[in-house]
Amino acid sequence: MLTNHFILAWAQKPDTSQPYLYAFLVGCGALAVAVILVGVPLVIARRRQHPYWETCLAAAFFWCACTTAAVYWTYLQQTQWSREYQLRLDTGYLDPNALAPRPSLHPLIFLALALGYLGVIALTLTRHSPPSDAIPPDPT
C-alpha cells in the first residue's frame, strides 16, 4: 500500500511579532539617517545666517519625510513579496514560471530624492539678499 505523506494545507498561524519589529526598526533607521543627512545643510545655512533659513528648513523637512516614506515603502514591498514567496514555497503552490518578479528598488524615485537633496544643499549655499523693508525716500 502506497501512502502519501505531504501537506495539502498549512493551518499554523505564523508569528508576526518579529516582522513588525523589524519594520519598525527599519523605519526608525531610515528616519535617523535622513535626519542626519538633512542636518548638514541646515547647519551650513544657519551658520552662514541664510536670509531664507525658514525656506531651507521647510525644504529639508519635506525631503526628509519623502525619503523616509520611500525607504519604508520599498522595505514593506520587499518583505511582502518575500513572505508571499515563502508561503507559496511552503504550501507547494509555487510555480516559478507564474511568479511575479521581485519588486524593483524604484530607481527613479531614489534618483529624484538624490536630486532633491542636492537641491537642498544648493539652496543652503546660495546667498540671496533679503527683501528690503526700508521705505523709499520721499522725493520732495
Foldseek 3Di string as FASTA:
>chain_A
DDDDDDDQDDDDDDDPPVVVVVLVVQLVVLLVVLCVLLVVLLVLLVVVVAVVSVVLVVLSVVLSVLRSVLSSVLVVQQVVLVVVQVNCVRNVVDDPVPRDDGDDSPVVSVVVSVVSSVVSNVVSPDHDDDDDPDDDDDPD
